[in-house]
């Protein structure tokens, strides 16, 4: 889900940059610092949850009392 959210931030800006090149006009499309912060935050959250999932798989359910 985080990668989908990152794509919704990146793809419109990428498409706008392509249209700027094709139309040769200034549409004022570009990345802002807030977009970069959002992407880094989403990427780090995805990494944390993926790491937690891997730890859960490695423990084979021992943390929940299963034998």
PDB file of N, CA and C in Angstrom:
ATOM      1  N   UNK A   1       0.818  -1.187   0.000  1.00  0.00           N
ATOM      2  CA  UNK A   1       0.000   0.000   0.000  1.00  0.00           C
ATOM      3  C   UNK A   1       0.868   1.259   0.000  1.00  0.00           C
ATOM      4  N   UNK A   2       1.980   1.192   0.722  1.00  0.00           N
ATOM      5  CA  UNK A   2       2.858   2.359   0.760  1.00  0.00           C
ATOM      6  C   UNK A   2       3.440   2.658  -0.614  1.00  0.00           C
ATOM      7  N   UNK A   3       3.773   1.611  -1.368  1.00  0.00           N
ATOM      8  CA  UNK A   3       4.324   1.825  -2.695  1.00  0.00           C
ATOM      9  C   UNK A   3       3.279   2.423  -3.636  1.00  0.00           C
ATOM     10  N   UNK A   4       2.027   2.069  -3.458  1.00  0.00           N
ATOM     11  CA  UNK A   4       0.953   2.670  -4.242  1.00  0.00           C
ATOM     12  C   UNK A   4       0.806   4.152  -3.905  1.00  0.00           C
ATOM     13  N   UNK A   5       0.926   4.482  -2.624  1.00  0.00           N
ATOM     14  CA  UNK A   5       0.831   5.877  -2.213  1.00  0.00           C
ATOM     15  C   UNK A   5       2.012   6.685  -2.756  1.00  0.00           C
ATOM     16  N   UNK A   6       3.190   6.078  -2.778  1.00  0.00           N
ATOM     17  CA  UNK A   6       4.356   6.746  -3.352  1.00  0.00           C
ATOM     18  C   UNK A   6       4.127   6.983  -4.840  1.00  0.00           C
ATOM     19  N   UNK A   7       3.546   5.994  -5.515  1.00  0.00           N
ATOM     20  CA  UNK A   7       3.277   6.139  -6.950  1.00  0.00           C
ATOM     21  C   UNK A   7       2.294   7.274  -7.210  1.00  0.00           C
ATOM     22  N   UNK A   8       1.301   7.464  -6.334  1.00  0.00           N
ATOM     23  CA  UNK A   8       0.341   8.556  -6.535  1.00  0.00           C
ATOM     24  C   UNK A   8       0.988   9.923  -6.324  1.00  0.00           C
ATOM     25  N   UNK A   9       2.105   9.966  -5.626  1.00  0.00           N
ATOM     26  CA  UNK A   9       2.827  11.230  -5.465  1.00  0.00           C
ATOM     27  C   UNK A   9       3.743  11.467  -6.658  1.00  0.00           C
ATOM     28  N   UNK A  10       4.411  10.412  -7.135  1.00  0.00           N
ATOM     29  CA  UNK A  10       5.432  10.555  -8.169  1.00  0.00           C
ATOM     30  C   UNK A  10       4.841  10.643  -9.573  1.00  0.00           C
ATOM     31  N   UNK A  11       3.877   9.800  -9.897  1.00  0.00           N
ATOM     32  CA  UNK A  11       3.388   9.707 -11.272  1.00  0.00           C
ATOM     33  C   UNK A  11       2.760  10.994 -11.821  1.00  0.00           C
ATOM     34  N   UNK A  12       1.925  11.713 -11.066  1.00  0.00           N
ATOM     35  CA  UNK A  12       1.396  12.968 -11.628  1.00  0.00           C
ATOM     36  C   UNK A  12       2.488  13.989 -11.938  1.00  0.00           C
ATOM     37  N   UNK A  13       3.508  14.058 -11.078  1.00  0.00           N
ATOM     38  CA  UNK A  13       4.603  14.992 -11.344  1.00  0.00           C
ATOM     39  C   UNK A  13       5.418  14.554 -12.553  1.00  0.00           C
ATOM     40  N   UNK A  14       5.607  13.253 -12.707  1.00  0.00           N
ATOM     41  CA  UNK A  14       6.335  12.733 -13.863  1.00  0.00           C
ATOM     42  C   UNK A  14       5.554  12.980 -15.148  1.00  0.00           C
ATOM     43  N   UNK A  15       4.251  12.733 -15.107  1.00  0.00           N
ATOM     44  CA  UNK A  15       3.413  12.981 -16.275  1.00  0.00           C
ATOM     45  C   UNK A  15       3.394  14.469 -16.618  1.00  0.00           C
ATOM     46  N   UNK A  16       3.348  15.325 -15.621  1.00  0.00           N
ATOM     47  CA  UNK A  16       3.382  16.767 -15.858  1.00  0.00           C
ATOM     48  C   UNK A  16       4.687  17.208 -16.493  1.00  0.00           C
ATOM     49  N   UNK A  17       5.794  16.607 -16.071  1.00  0.00           N
ATOM     50  CA  UNK A  17       7.090  16.949 -16.665  1.00  0.00           C
ATOM     51  C   UNK A  17       7.154  16.507 -18.120  1.00  0.00           C
ATOM     52  N   UNK A  18       6.579  15.355 -18.426  1.00  0.00           N
ATOM     53  CA  UNK A  18       6.549  14.889 -19.814  1.00  0.00           C
ATOM     54  C   UNK A  18       5.689  15.819 -20.671  1.00  0.00           C
ATOM     55  N   UNK A  19       4.529  16.215 -20.149  1.00  0.00           N
ATOM     56  CA  UNK A  19       3.671  17.139 -20.897  1.00  0.00           C
ATOM     57  C   UNK A  19       4.352  18.484 -21.106  1.00  0.00           C
ATOM     58  N   UNK A  20       5.135  18.945 -20.102  1.00  0.00           N
ATOM     59  CA  UNK A  20       5.872  20.189 -20.268  1.00  0.00           C
ATOM     60  C   UNK A  20       6.871  20.086 -21.414  1.00  0.00           C
ATOM     61  N   UNK A  21       7.548  18.933 -21.518  1.00  0.00           N
ATOM     62  CA  UNK A  21       8.520  18.758 -22.595  1.00  0.00           C
ATOM     63  C   UNK A  21       7.826  18.668 -23.956  1.00  0.00           C
ATOM     64  N   UNK A  22       6.696  17.951 -24.011  1.00  0.00           N
ATOM     65  CA  UNK A  22       5.993  17.785 -25.282  1.00  0.00           C
ATOM     66  C   UNK A  22       5.359  19.102 -25.744  1.00  0.00           C
ATOM     67  N   UNK A  23       4.688  19.783 -24.839  1.00  0.00           N
ATOM     68  CA  UNK A  23       3.996  21.022 -25.195  1.00  0.00           C
ATOM     69  C   UNK A  23       4.915  22.234 -25.223  1.00  0.00           C
ATOM     70  N   UNK A  24       6.083  22.118 -24.646  1.00  0.00           N
ATOM     71  CA  UNK A  24       7.065  23.197 -24.543  1.00  0.00           C
ATOM     72  C   UNK A  24       6.451  24.445 -23.918  1.00  0.00           C
ATOM     73  N   UNK A  25       5.733  24.222 -22.829  1.00  0.00           N
ATOM     74  CA  UNK A  25       5.175  25.334 -22.070  1.00  0.00           C
ATOM     75  C   UNK A  25       5.421  25.075 -20.591  1.00  0.00           C
ATOM     76  N   UNK A  26       5.299  26.122 -19.806  1.00  0.00           N
ATOM     77  CA  UNK A  26       5.538  26.006 -18.375  1.00  0.00           C
ATOM     78  C   UNK A  26       4.223  25.737 -17.658  1.00  0.00           C
ATOM     79  N   UNK A  27       4.058  24.523 -17.145  1.00  0.00           N
ATOM     80  CA  UNK A  27       2.850  24.158 -16.397  1.00  0.00           C
ATOM     81  C   UNK A  27       3.068  24.227 -14.893  1.00  0.00           C
ATOM     82  N   UNK A  28       4.266  24.638 -14.489  1.00  0.00           N
ATOM     83  CA  UNK A  28       4.632  24.779 -13.081  1.00  0.00           C
ATOM     84  C   UNK A  28       4.437  23.468 -12.320  1.00  0.00           C
ATOM     85  N   UNK A  29       4.992  22.404 -12.869  1.00  0.00           N
ATOM     86  CA  UNK A  29       4.923  21.084 -12.249  1.00  0.00           C
ATOM     87  C   UNK A  29       6.305  20.751 -11.732  1.00  0.00           C
ATOM     88  N   UNK A  30       6.367  20.290 -10.493  1.00  0.00           N
ATOM     89  CA  UNK A  30       7.656  19.895  -9.938  1.00  0.00           C
ATOM     90  C   UNK A  30       7.484  19.352  -8.535  1.00  0.00           C
ATOM     91  N   UNK A  31       8.557  18.774  -8.054  1.00  0.00           N
ATOM     92  CA  UNK A  31       8.541  18.241  -6.695  1.00  0.00           C
ATOM     93  C   UNK A  31       8.724  19.366  -5.695  1.00  0.00           C
ATOM     94  N   UNK A  32       8.015  19.247  -4.600  1.00  0.00           N
ATOM     95  CA  UNK A  32       8.226  20.146  -3.477  1.00  0.00           C
ATOM     96  C   UNK A  32       8.920  19.359  -2.377  1.00  0.00           C
ATOM     97  N   UNK A  33       9.458  20.051  -1.424  1.00  0.00           N
ATOM     98  CA  UNK A  33      10.158  19.386  -0.326  1.00  0.00           C
ATOM     99  C   UNK A  33       9.198  18.499   0.460  1.00  0.00           C
ATOM    100  N   UNK A  34       7.952  18.908   0.584  1.00  0.00           N
ATOM    101  CA  UNK A  34       6.971  18.116   1.318  1.00  0.00           C
ATOM    102  C   UNK A  34       6.717  16.780   0.631  1.00  0.00           C
ATOM    103  N   UNK A  35       6.738  16.756  -0.706  1.00  0.00           N
ATOM    104  CA  UNK A  35       6.568  15.501  -1.440  1.00  0.00           C
ATOM    105  C   UNK A  35       7.710  14.540  -1.137  1.00  0.00           C
ATOM    106  N   UNK A  36       8.913  15.060  -1.085  1.00  0.00           N
ATOM    107  CA  UNK A  36      10.080  14.224  -0.781  1.00  0.00           C
ATOM    108  C   UNK A  36       9.977  13.675   0.642  1.00  0.00           C
ATOM    109  N   UNK A  37       9.539  14.497   1.581  1.00  0.00           N
ATOM    110  CA  UNK A  37       9.377  14.044   2.968  1.00  0.00           C
ATOM    111  C   UNK A  37       8.307  12.960   3.050  1.00  0.00           C
ATOM    112  N   UNK A  38       7.207  13.142   2.340  1.00  0.00           N
ATOM    113  CA  UNK A  38       6.156  12.122   2.322  1.00  0.00           C
ATOM    114  C   UNK A  38       6.662  10.813   1.757  1.00  0.00           C
ATOM    115  N   UNK A  39       7.417  10.865   0.675  1.00  0.00           N
ATOM    116  CA  UNK A  39       7.943   9.647   0.058  1.00  0.00           C
ATOM    117  C   UNK A  39       8.893   8.934   1.008  1.00  0.00           C
ATOM    118  N   UNK A  40       9.786   9.671   1.649  1.00  0.00           N
ATOM    119  CA  UNK A  40      10.715   9.050   2.590  1.00  0.00           C
ATOM    120  C   UNK A  40       9.992   8.446   3.787  1.00  0.00           C
ATOM    121  N   UNK A  41       8.970   9.131   4.288  1.00  0.00           N
ATOM    122  CA  UNK A  41       8.192   8.612   5.413  1.00  0.00           C
ATOM    123  C   UNK A  41       7.465   7.323   5.029  1.00  0.00           C
ATOM    124  N   UNK A  42       6.813   7.318   3.876  1.00  0.00           N
ATOM    125  CA  UNK A  42       6.095   6.115   3.441  1.00  0.00           C
ATOM    126  C   UNK A  42       7.041   4.954   3.187  1.00  0.00           C
ATOM    127  N   UNK A  43       8.201   5.243   2.586  1.00  0.00           N
ATOM    128  CA  UNK A  43       9.173   4.194   2.328  1.00  0.00           C
ATOM    129  C   UNK A  43       9.697   3.604   3.632  1.00  0.00           C
ATOM    130  N   UNK A  44       9.972   4.466   4.626  1.00  0.00           N
ATOM    131  CA  UNK A  44      10.474   3.960   5.902  1.00  0.00           C
ATOM    132  C   UNK A  44       9.408   3.154   6.642  1.00  0.00           C
ATOM    133  N   UNK A  45       8.154   3.572   6.581  1.00  0.00           N
ATOM    134  CA  UNK A  45       7.092   2.811   7.223  1.00  0.00           C
ATOM    135  C   UNK A  45       6.908   1.449   6.560  1.00  0.00           C
ATOM    136  N   UNK A  46       6.996   1.402   5.230  1.00  0.00           N
ATOM    137  CA  UNK A  46       6.896   0.128   4.528  1.00  0.00           C
ATOM    138  C   UNK A  46       8.039  -0.793   4.926  1.00  0.00           C
ATOM    139  N   UNK A  47       9.231  -0.239   5.061  1.00  0.00           N
ATOM    140  CA  UNK A  47      10.396  -1.033   5.453  1.00  0.00           C
ATOM    141  C   UNK A  47      10.245  -1.576   6.877  1.00  0.00           C
ATOM    142  N   UNK A  48       9.745  -0.751   7.787  1.00  0.00           N
ATOM    143  CA  UNK A  48       9.568  -1.177   9.181  1.00  0.00           C
ATOM    144  C   UNK A  48       8.555  -2.312   9.269  1.00  0.00           C
ATOM    145  N   UNK A  49       7.425  -2.178   8.589  1.00  0.00           N
ATOM    146  CA  UNK A  49       6.405  -3.224   8.652  1.00  0.00           C
ATOM    147  C   UNK A  49       6.854  -4.502   7.952  1.00  0.00           C
ATOM    148  N   UNK A  50       7.618  -4.365   6.873  1.00  0.00           N
ATOM    149  CA  UNK A  50       8.133  -5.557   6.192  1.00  0.00           C
ATOM    150  C   UNK A  50       9.153  -6.275   7.078  1.00  0.00           C
ATOM    151  N   UNK A  51       9.983  -5.513   7.779  1.00  0.00           N
ATOM    152  CA  UNK A  51      10.956  -6.093   8.699  1.00  0.00           C
ATOM    153  C   UNK A  51      10.245  -6.803   9.852  1.00  0.00           C
ATOM    154  N   UNK A  52       9.192  -6.206  10.392  1.00  0.00           N
ATOM    155  CA  UNK A  52       8.420  -6.839  11.460  1.00  0.00           C
ATOM    156  C   UNK A  52       7.769  -8.125  10.994  1.00  0.00           C
ATOM    157  N   UNK A  53       7.291  -8.141   9.759  1.00  0.00           N
ATOM    158  CA  UNK A  53       6.688  -9.351   9.205  1.00  0.00           C
ATOM    159  C   UNK A  53       7.728 -10.458   9.070  1.00  0.00           C
ATOM    160  N   UNK A  54       8.927 -10.104   8.636  1.00  0.00           N
ATOM    161  CA  UNK A  54       9.997 -11.102   8.516  1.00  0.00           C
ATOM    162  C   UNK A  54      10.385 -11.663   9.885  1.00  0.00           C
ATOM    163  N   UNK A  55      10.429 -10.818  10.903  1.00  0.00           N
ATOM    164  CA  UNK A  55      10.744 -11.288  12.262  1.00  0.00           C
ATOM    165  C   UNK A  55       9.657 -12.236  12.743  1.00  0.00           C
ATOM    166  N   UNK A  56       8.403 -11.914  12.463  1.00  0.00           N
ATOM    167  CA  UNK A  56       7.308 -12.776  12.867  1.00  0.00           C
ATOM    168  C   UNK A  56       7.393 -14.132  12.172  1.00  0.00           C
ATOM    169  N   UNK A  57       7.778 -14.148  10.904  1.00  0.00           N
ATOM    170  CA  UNK A  57       7.922 -15.418  10.188  1.00  0.00           C
ATOM    171  C   UNK A  57       9.079 -16.244  10.751  1.00  0.00           C
ATOM    172  N   UNK A  58      10.170 -15.567  11.131  1.00  0.00           N
ATOM    173  CA  UNK A  58      11.327 -16.275  11.666  1.00  0.00           C
ATOM    174  C   UNK A  58      11.054 -16.858  13.043  1.00  0.00           C
ATOM    175  N   UNK A  59      10.199 -16.205  13.832  1.00  0.00           N
ATOM    176  CA  UNK A  59       9.924 -16.696  15.186  1.00  0.00           C
ATOM    177  C   UNK A  59       8.945 -17.853  15.182  1.00  0.00           C
ATOM    178  N   UNK A  60       8.277 -18.080  14.058  1.00  0.00           N
ATOM    179  CA  UNK A  60       7.326 -19.190  13.890  1.00  0.00           C
ATOM    180  C   UNK A  60       6.235 -19.173  14.956  1.00  0.00           C
ATOM    181  N   UNK A  61       5.741 -18.001  15.308  1.00  0.00           N
ATOM    182  CA  UNK A  61       4.633 -17.873  16.231  1.00  0.00           C
ATOM    183  C   UNK A  61       4.992 -17.994  17.701  1.00  0.00           C
ATOM    184  N   UNK A  62       6.261 -18.030  18.059  1.00  0.00           N
ATOM    185  CA  UNK A  62       6.660 -18.197  19.461  1.00  0.00           C
ATOM    186  C   UNK A  62       6.254 -17.006  20.312  1.00  0.00           C
ATOM    187  N   UNK A  63       6.163 -15.820  19.736  1.00  0.00           N
ATOM    188  CA  UNK A  63       5.816 -14.666  20.551  1.00  0.00           C
ATOM    189  C   UNK A  63       4.348 -14.653  20.945  1.00  0.00           C
ATOM    190  N   UNK A  64       3.519 -15.460  20.301  1.00  0.00           N
ATOM    191  CA  UNK A  64       2.114 -15.509  20.641  1.00  0.00           C
ATOM    192  C   UNK A  64       1.758 -16.749  21.451  1.00  0.00           C
ATOM    193  N   UNK A  65       2.739 -17.469  21.940  1.00  0.00           N
ATOM    194  CA  UNK A  65       2.481 -18.637  22.773  1.00  0.00           C
ATOM    195  C   UNK A  65       2.243 -19.921  22.018  1.00  0.00           C
ATOM    196  N   UNK A  66       2.375 -19.897  20.717  1.00  0.00           N
ATOM    197  CA  UNK A  66       2.203 -21.121  19.943  1.00  0.00           C
ATOM    198  C   UNK A  66       3.502 -21.919  19.982  1.00  0.00           C
ATOM    199  N   UNK A  67       3.359 -23.201  20.042  1.00  0.00           N
ATOM    200  CA  UNK A  67       4.551 -24.066  20.117  1.00  0.00           C
ATOM    201  C   UNK A  67       4.857 -24.692  18.796  1.00  0.00           C
TER     202      UNK A  67
END
